Amino acid sequence: MFIDPFVIRSINRSELRKRILLYLHEIYPSPTYLAEIARVVRSDPSNVKGALIGLGNRYNGHSSLVSLGLVEIIEENGFKYYRLSEYGKKVVELLKSYRSYYSKFM
């Protein structure tokens, strides 16, 4: 499966995006809500929202996890939930394999 290098670069440039992805991978395929993600990754909900969907000037919408296709939004009864997409799952698995590979040299 081809993974866009821009996606890898975007994840590596943001520790918060990486922590969100790892958490969503851990609970996959269950969706969760914004405040729960923020609590688990120990970040402010507005920062988590920015990482997920973009937020004004501070968070580029093109680099958001939803725009990159890594996370999907599920709307039920007026609430939004976030879940790792299939593509996101493959990207996280690739990142984990890279980490184990490169740890041999550090």
N, C-alpha and C. Protein backbone atom coordinates (compact mmCIF):
# COMPACT_ATOMS: atom_id res chain seq x y z
N MET A 1 0.84 -1.18 0.00
CA MET A 1 0.00 0.00 0.00
C MET A 1 0.88 1.24 0.00
N PHE A 2 0.56 2.20 -0.88
CA PHE A 2 1.30 3.45 -0.97
C PHE A 2 0.86 4.40 0.14
N ILE A 3 1.84 4.97 0.83
CA ILE A 3 1.56 5.98 1.85
C ILE A 3 2.26 7.26 1.43
N ASP A 4 1.48 8.30 1.29
CA ASP A 4 1.97 9.60 0.84
C ASP A 4 3.04 10.12 1.81
N PRO A 5 4.20 10.50 1.32
CA PRO A 5 5.26 11.04 2.19
C PRO A 5 4.82 12.30 2.94
N PHE A 6 3.90 13.08 2.36
CA PHE A 6 3.37 14.27 3.04
C PHE A 6 2.66 13.87 4.33
N VAL A 7 2.00 12.73 4.32
CA VAL A 7 1.30 12.24 5.51
C VAL A 7 2.31 11.93 6.62
N ILE A 8 3.36 11.21 6.27
CA ILE A 8 4.41 10.86 7.25
C ILE A 8 5.06 12.13 7.79
N ARG A 9 5.35 13.06 6.91
CA ARG A 9 5.97 14.32 7.33
C ARG A 9 5.06 15.10 8.28
N SER A 10 3.78 15.15 7.98
CA SER A 10 2.82 15.86 8.83
C SER A 10 2.75 15.24 10.22
N ILE A 11 2.75 13.93 10.27
CA ILE A 11 2.70 13.25 11.57
C ILE A 11 3.97 13.49 12.36
N ASN A 12 5.11 13.38 11.69
CA ASN A 12 6.39 13.56 12.38
C ASN A 12 6.63 15.00 12.85
N ARG A 13 5.93 15.95 12.25
CA ARG A 13 6.09 17.35 12.65
C ARG A 13 5.25 17.72 13.86
N SER A 14 4.36 16.84 14.29
CA SER A 14 3.48 17.16 15.41
C SER A 14 3.40 15.99 16.38
N GLU A 15 3.92 16.19 17.56
CA GLU A 15 3.86 15.16 18.59
C GLU A 15 2.41 14.89 19.00
N LEU A 16 1.59 15.94 18.99
CA LEU A 16 0.18 15.77 19.35
C LEU A 16 -0.56 14.91 18.32
N ARG A 17 -0.35 15.17 17.04
CA ARG A 17 -1.00 14.33 16.02
C ARG A 17 -0.58 12.87 16.18
N LYS A 18 0.69 12.67 16.49
CA LYS A 18 1.20 11.30 16.67
C LYS A 18 0.54 10.62 17.88
N ARG A 19 0.42 11.36 19.00
CA ARG A 19 -0.19 10.77 20.20
C ARG A 19 -1.67 10.45 19.95
N ILE A 20 -2.37 11.32 19.23
CA ILE A 20 -3.78 11.08 18.91
C ILE A 20 -3.91 9.82 18.07
N LEU A 21 -3.09 9.70 17.05
CA LEU A 21 -3.14 8.51 16.19
C LEU A 21 -2.86 7.23 16.97
N LEU A 22 -1.85 7.26 17.83
CA LEU A 22 -1.51 6.08 18.61
C LEU A 22 -2.65 5.68 19.54
N TYR A 23 -3.31 6.69 20.15
CA TYR A 23 -4.44 6.38 21.02
C TYR A 23 -5.60 5.78 20.22
N LEU A 24 -5.94 6.41 19.09
CA LEU A 24 -7.04 5.90 18.28
C LEU A 24 -6.74 4.49 17.75
N HIS A 25 -5.46 4.23 17.49
CA HIS A 25 -5.05 2.88 17.05
C HIS A 25 -5.26 1.88 18.18
N GLU A 26 -4.97 2.31 19.40
CA GLU A 26 -5.10 1.43 20.55
C GLU A 26 -6.56 1.02 20.79
N ILE A 27 -7.50 1.92 20.54
CA ILE A 27 -8.91 1.62 20.81
C ILE A 27 -9.66 1.18 19.54
N TYR A 28 -8.97 1.12 18.40
CA TYR A 28 -9.58 0.76 17.13
C TYR A 28 -10.31 -0.57 17.25
N PRO A 29 -11.50 -0.72 16.72
CA PRO A 29 -12.27 0.13 15.83
C PRO A 29 -13.28 1.04 16.54
N SER A 30 -13.17 1.16 17.84
CA SER A 30 -14.12 2.00 18.58
C SER A 30 -13.88 3.48 18.32
N PRO A 31 -14.95 4.24 18.13
CA PRO A 31 -14.80 5.69 18.02
C PRO A 31 -14.82 6.31 19.42
N THR A 32 -14.38 7.53 19.54
CA THR A 32 -14.42 8.26 20.80
C THR A 32 -14.66 9.73 20.53
N TYR A 33 -14.90 10.48 21.56
CA TYR A 33 -15.21 11.89 21.40
C TYR A 33 -14.02 12.77 21.75
N LEU A 34 -14.10 14.02 21.36
CA LEU A 34 -12.99 14.97 21.46
C LEU A 34 -12.44 15.11 22.88
N ALA A 35 -13.32 15.30 23.86
CA ALA A 35 -12.87 15.50 25.23
C ALA A 35 -12.13 14.28 25.77
N GLU A 36 -12.58 13.09 25.38
CA GLU A 36 -11.90 11.86 25.82
C GLU A 36 -10.50 11.78 25.22
N ILE A 37 -10.37 12.11 23.96
CA ILE A 37 -9.05 12.11 23.32
C ILE A 37 -8.14 13.09 24.03
N ALA A 38 -8.66 14.29 24.29
CA ALA A 38 -7.86 15.33 24.95
C ALA A 38 -7.39 14.88 26.33
N ARG A 39 -8.27 14.23 27.06
CA ARG A 39 -7.91 13.75 28.40
C ARG A 39 -6.81 12.70 28.33
N VAL A 40 -6.94 11.76 27.42
CA VAL A 40 -5.98 10.66 27.32
C VAL A 40 -4.61 11.15 26.85
N VAL A 41 -4.58 12.03 25.86
CA VAL A 41 -3.29 12.50 25.32
C VAL A 41 -2.75 13.70 26.11
N ARG A 42 -3.50 14.10 27.14
CA ARG A 42 -3.08 15.19 28.03
C ARG A 42 -2.82 16.49 27.28
N SER A 43 -3.85 16.92 26.58
CA SER A 43 -3.75 18.17 25.84
C SER A 43 -5.08 18.91 25.95
N ASP A 44 -5.04 20.17 25.64
CA ASP A 44 -6.24 21.01 25.65
C ASP A 44 -7.17 20.58 24.52
N PRO A 45 -8.49 20.53 24.75
CA PRO A 45 -9.42 20.13 23.69
C PRO A 45 -9.31 20.97 22.42
N SER A 46 -9.01 22.27 22.54
CA SER A 46 -8.89 23.09 21.33
C SER A 46 -7.67 22.67 20.51
N ASN A 47 -6.59 22.26 21.17
CA ASN A 47 -5.42 21.78 20.43
C ASN A 47 -5.71 20.45 19.74
N VAL A 48 -6.45 19.59 20.43
CA VAL A 48 -6.82 18.30 19.84
C VAL A 48 -7.73 18.52 18.64
N LYS A 49 -8.69 19.45 18.78
CA LYS A 49 -9.57 19.77 17.66
C LYS A 49 -8.77 20.28 16.47
N GLY A 50 -7.79 21.13 16.73
CA GLY A 50 -6.93 21.63 15.67
C GLY A 50 -6.17 20.52 14.97
N ALA A 51 -5.65 19.58 15.74
CA ALA A 51 -4.92 18.47 15.15
C ALA A 51 -5.85 17.56 14.34
N LEU A 52 -7.08 17.42 14.80
CA LEU A 52 -8.03 16.54 14.12
C LEU A 52 -8.60 17.16 12.85
N ILE A 53 -9.06 18.42 12.94
CA ILE A 53 -9.77 19.00 11.79
C ILE A 53 -9.22 20.34 11.32
N GLY A 54 -8.22 20.88 12.02
CA GLY A 54 -7.70 22.19 11.67
C GLY A 54 -8.43 23.26 12.46
N LEU A 55 -7.77 24.39 12.67
CA LEU A 55 -8.38 25.43 13.49
C LEU A 55 -7.70 26.76 13.18
N GLY A 56 -8.28 27.52 12.27
CA GLY A 56 -7.77 28.85 11.97
C GLY A 56 -6.33 28.86 11.52
N ASN A 57 -5.60 29.88 11.93
CA ASN A 57 -4.21 30.06 11.53
C ASN A 57 -3.26 29.14 12.28
N ARG A 58 -3.65 28.75 13.48
CA ARG A 58 -2.74 27.98 14.31
C ARG A 58 -2.53 26.55 13.81
N TYR A 59 -3.58 25.94 13.33
CA TYR A 59 -3.49 24.58 12.81
C TYR A 59 -3.91 24.56 11.36
N ASN A 60 -3.03 24.13 10.52
CA ASN A 60 -3.28 24.05 9.09
C ASN A 60 -4.29 22.93 8.81
N GLY A 61 -5.39 23.28 8.18
CA GLY A 61 -6.41 22.28 7.86
C GLY A 61 -5.93 21.22 6.91
N HIS A 62 -4.97 21.54 6.04
CA HIS A 62 -4.46 20.56 5.08
C HIS A 62 -3.65 19.47 5.76
N SER A 63 -3.11 19.77 6.93
CA SER A 63 -2.31 18.79 7.66
C SER A 63 -3.10 18.11 8.77
N SER A 64 -4.40 18.40 8.86
CA SER A 64 -5.20 17.79 9.93
C SER A 64 -5.38 16.30 9.66
N LEU A 65 -5.60 15.57 10.72
CA LEU A 65 -5.73 14.12 10.60
C LEU A 65 -6.93 13.71 9.76
N VAL A 66 -8.01 14.48 9.83
CA VAL A 66 -9.19 14.18 9.02
C VAL A 66 -8.90 14.47 7.55
N SER A 67 -8.28 15.62 7.27
CA SER A 67 -7.98 15.98 5.87
C SER A 67 -6.99 15.01 5.24
N LEU A 68 -6.10 14.47 6.03
CA LEU A 68 -5.12 13.51 5.51
C LEU A 68 -5.74 12.12 5.31
N GLY A 69 -6.97 11.94 5.77
CA GLY A 69 -7.65 10.66 5.60
C GLY A 69 -7.29 9.63 6.65
N LEU A 70 -6.66 10.06 7.74
CA LEU A 70 -6.23 9.14 8.78
C LEU A 70 -7.30 8.89 9.83
N VAL A 71 -8.17 9.88 10.00
CA VAL A 71 -9.24 9.80 11.00
C VAL A 71 -10.55 10.14 10.32
N GLU A 72 -11.60 9.45 10.71
CA GLU A 72 -12.92 9.75 10.16
C GLU A 72 -13.84 10.26 11.26
N ILE A 73 -14.79 11.10 10.86
CA ILE A 73 -15.77 11.65 11.80
C ILE A 73 -17.06 10.86 11.65
N ILE A 74 -17.59 10.46 12.78
CA ILE A 74 -18.87 9.74 12.80
C ILE A 74 -19.84 10.63 13.57
N GLU A 75 -20.95 10.98 12.94
CA GLU A 75 -21.96 11.81 13.60
C GLU A 75 -23.16 10.97 13.96
N GLU A 76 -23.50 10.98 15.25
CA GLU A 76 -24.66 10.24 15.75
C GLU A 76 -25.41 11.09 16.76
N ASN A 77 -26.70 11.25 16.55
CA ASN A 77 -27.57 11.99 17.48
C ASN A 77 -27.02 13.37 17.83
N GLY A 78 -26.43 14.04 16.85
CA GLY A 78 -25.90 15.38 17.07
C GLY A 78 -24.52 15.43 17.71
N PHE A 79 -23.90 14.30 17.94
CA PHE A 79 -22.56 14.25 18.53
C PHE A 79 -21.57 13.80 17.48
N LYS A 80 -20.33 14.29 17.62
CA LYS A 80 -19.26 13.87 16.71
C LYS A 80 -18.30 12.96 17.45
N TYR A 81 -18.00 11.86 16.80
CA TYR A 81 -17.03 10.91 17.31
C TYR A 81 -15.93 10.74 16.28
N TYR A 82 -14.75 10.38 16.74
CA TYR A 82 -13.59 10.24 15.86
C TYR A 82 -13.08 8.82 15.95
N ARG A 83 -12.76 8.27 14.78
CA ARG A 83 -12.25 6.90 14.70
C ARG A 83 -11.13 6.85 13.67
N LEU A 84 -10.15 6.04 13.93
CA LEU A 84 -9.07 5.82 12.98
C LEU A 84 -9.63 5.16 11.72
N SER A 85 -9.25 5.66 10.56
CA SER A 85 -9.69 5.06 9.30
C SER A 85 -8.82 3.84 9.00
N GLU A 86 -9.22 3.07 8.02
CA GLU A 86 -8.41 1.92 7.60
C GLU A 86 -7.02 2.39 7.14
N TYR A 87 -7.00 3.49 6.38
CA TYR A 87 -5.74 4.06 5.92
C TYR A 87 -4.90 4.50 7.12
N GLY A 88 -5.54 5.14 8.09
CA GLY A 88 -4.84 5.57 9.30
C GLY A 88 -4.25 4.40 10.06
N LYS A 89 -4.98 3.30 10.10
CA LYS A 89 -4.49 2.10 10.78
C LYS A 89 -3.22 1.59 10.11
N LYS A 90 -3.21 1.57 8.79
CA LYS A 90 -2.03 1.11 8.06
C LYS A 90 -0.84 2.05 8.28
N VAL A 91 -1.11 3.36 8.32
CA VAL A 91 -0.04 4.34 8.54
C VAL A 91 0.56 4.16 9.94
N VAL A 92 -0.27 3.99 10.96
CA VAL A 92 0.24 3.80 12.32
C VAL A 92 1.06 2.51 12.40
N GLU A 93 0.60 1.46 11.78
CA GLU A 93 1.36 0.20 11.79
C GLU A 93 2.71 0.37 11.11
N LEU A 94 2.75 1.16 10.03
CA LEU A 94 4.01 1.44 9.36
C LEU A 94 4.94 2.25 10.27
N LEU A 95 4.40 3.25 10.93
CA LEU A 95 5.20 4.07 11.84
C LEU A 95 5.77 3.23 12.98
N LYS A 96 4.97 2.33 13.51
CA LYS A 96 5.45 1.45 14.58
C LYS A 96 6.57 0.54 14.09
N SER A 97 6.45 0.04 12.86
CA SER A 97 7.50 -0.82 12.33
C SER A 97 8.78 -0.02 12.07
N TYR A 98 8.64 1.23 11.61
CA TYR A 98 9.81 2.10 11.44
C TYR A 98 10.51 2.32 12.78
N ARG A 99 9.71 2.59 13.80
CA ARG A 99 10.27 2.88 15.12
C ARG A 99 11.07 1.70 15.63
N SER A 100 10.53 0.49 15.49
CA SER A 100 11.27 -0.68 15.96
C SER A 100 12.51 -0.93 15.12
N TYR A 101 12.42 -0.64 13.82
CA TYR A 101 13.58 -0.84 12.95
C TYR A 101 14.70 0.15 13.31
N TYR A 102 14.35 1.45 13.44
CA TYR A 102 15.37 2.46 13.70
C TYR A 102 15.91 2.42 15.13
N SER A 103 15.16 1.82 16.05
CA SER A 103 15.65 1.73 17.43
C SER A 103 16.88 0.83 17.51
N LYS A 104 17.08 -0.04 16.53
CA LYS A 104 18.25 -0.91 16.50
C LYS A 104 19.54 -0.11 16.35
N PHE A 105 19.43 1.08 15.75
CA PHE A 105 20.62 1.87 15.45
C PHE A 105 20.86 3.00 16.44
N MET A 106 20.01 3.08 17.45
CA MET A 106 20.15 4.19 18.42
C MET A 106 20.57 3.70 19.76
